């Protein structure tokens, strides 16, 4: 499905409200002056408050599992607003909240 491309300045949260940032943005393609993100780039998550029965099990990293089908950069699919990611160690999703709206991919 078409959607806006995610970029370094996009707001992405884990399902528990932790802040997620790409570890290796893609400087080859920029949108709104910010590097985009490809499916290969893992995200680091900070501030996840998730715990189970008093034992902390916060989201630490996340990896995109579904990304653009038709738009690639450096041979990797770019990440879209509707792409899907899985957090480690608990398997919850990442939630893109705010991104640039000018460049749409599919």
Protein backbone atom coordinates (compact mmCIF):
# COMPACT_ATOMS: atom_id res chain seq x y z
CA UNK A 1 0.00 0.00 0.00
CA UNK A 2 1.38 3.47 -0.74
CA UNK A 3 2.60 5.58 2.14
CA UNK A 4 5.00 8.36 3.12
CA UNK A 5 8.68 7.41 3.36
CA UNK A 6 10.15 7.37 6.87
CA UNK A 7 13.20 9.50 7.53
CA UNK A 8 15.67 10.14 10.32
CA UNK A 9 13.49 12.87 11.87
CA UNK A 10 10.29 10.78 11.88
CA UNK A 11 8.67 9.99 15.22
CA UNK A 12 8.57 6.23 15.72
CA UNK A 13 7.54 4.58 19.01
CA UNK A 14 7.46 1.04 20.29
CA UNK A 15 4.01 -0.23 21.34
CA UNK A 16 4.77 0.80 24.94
CA UNK A 17 5.82 4.38 24.16
CA UNK A 18 9.61 4.00 23.92
CA UNK A 19 11.36 6.21 21.36
CA UNK A 20 12.87 4.42 18.33
CA UNK A 21 15.64 5.74 16.06
CA UNK A 22 17.36 4.12 13.07
CA UNK A 23 20.92 2.98 13.75
CA UNK A 24 22.04 3.41 10.13
CA UNK A 25 20.01 5.96 8.14
CA UNK A 26 20.37 5.98 4.36
CA UNK A 27 22.13 9.22 3.31
CA UNK A 28 21.83 8.37 -0.41
CA UNK A 29 18.15 9.42 -0.51
CA UNK A 30 16.84 12.36 1.51
CA UNK A 31 13.35 13.72 2.12
CA UNK A 32 12.72 17.05 3.82
CA UNK A 33 16.51 17.33 4.16
CA UNK A 34 16.71 14.14 6.26
CA UNK A 35 18.15 10.72 5.28
CA UNK A 36 15.58 8.01 4.61
CA UNK A 37 15.58 4.56 6.23
CA UNK A 38 15.85 1.17 4.52
CA UNK A 39 14.51 -2.17 5.69
CA UNK A 40 18.04 -3.34 6.51
CA UNK A 41 18.54 -0.68 9.19
CA UNK A 42 17.72 -1.86 12.71
CA UNK A 43 16.14 0.61 15.12
CA UNK A 44 17.41 1.25 18.66
CA UNK A 45 14.70 1.83 21.27
CA UNK A 46 15.13 3.98 24.37
CA UNK A 47 12.76 4.56 27.27
CA UNK A 48 10.50 1.52 26.88
CA UNK A 49 8.73 1.02 30.23
CA UNK A 50 7.36 -2.48 29.51
CA UNK A 51 7.57 -5.03 32.31
CA UNK A 52 5.90 -8.36 33.09
CA UNK A 53 4.93 -9.14 36.69
CA UNK A 54 7.41 -6.58 37.99
CA UNK A 55 10.31 -7.87 35.86
CA UNK A 56 11.42 -5.40 33.16
CA UNK A 57 11.27 -6.70 29.59
CA UNK A 58 11.71 -3.47 27.61
CA UNK A 59 11.95 -3.24 23.85
CA UNK A 60 15.64 -2.81 22.98
CA UNK A 61 15.86 -3.03 19.19
CA UNK A 62 13.49 -3.54 16.27
CA UNK A 63 13.81 -4.83 12.73
CA UNK A 64 11.51 -3.99 9.83
CA UNK A 65 9.88 -7.09 8.32
CA UNK A 66 7.61 -5.43 5.72
CA UNK A 67 8.66 -2.38 3.68
CA UNK A 68 8.18 -0.86 0.23
CA UNK A 69 7.75 -3.22 -2.68
CA UNK A 70 8.54 -0.85 -5.54
CA UNK A 71 10.93 1.74 -4.06
CA UNK A 72 14.49 0.80 -3.13
CA UNK A 73 17.74 2.52 -2.29
CA UNK A 74 21.12 0.77 -2.43
CA UNK A 75 19.20 -2.40 -3.31
CA UNK A 76 17.14 -2.31 -0.09
CA UNK A 77 13.41 -1.50 0.21
CA UNK A 78 12.75 1.87 1.87
CA UNK A 79 10.59 2.01 5.00
CA UNK A 80 7.12 3.51 4.65
CA UNK A 81 4.70 4.86 7.23
CA UNK A 82 2.66 1.64 6.97
CA UNK A 83 5.67 -0.72 7.11
CA UNK A 84 5.79 -3.33 9.87
CA UNK A 85 8.56 -4.01 12.37
CA UNK A 86 9.07 -6.41 15.24
CA UNK A 87 10.72 -5.41 18.54
CA UNK A 88 13.25 -7.58 20.36
CA UNK A 89 12.92 -9.26 22.83
CA UNK A 90 9.11 -9.20 23.12
CA UNK A 91 7.84 -9.17 19.50
CA UNK A 92 5.66 -6.07 19.75
CA UNK A 93 5.37 -3.66 16.77
CA UNK A 94 6.91 -0.27 16.07
CA UNK A 95 4.43 2.53 15.47
CA UNK A 96 5.40 5.31 13.05
CA UNK A 97 3.54 8.37 14.37
CA UNK A 98 4.84 11.41 12.46
CA UNK A 99 6.73 11.52 9.15
CA UNK A 100 7.18 13.84 6.21
CA UNK A 101 4.17 13.81 3.88
CA UNK A 102 5.66 15.02 0.58
CA UNK A 103 7.24 11.82 -0.76
CA UNK A 104 5.03 8.75 -1.14
CA UNK A 105 6.25 5.27 -2.03
CA UNK A 106 4.71 1.87 -2.52
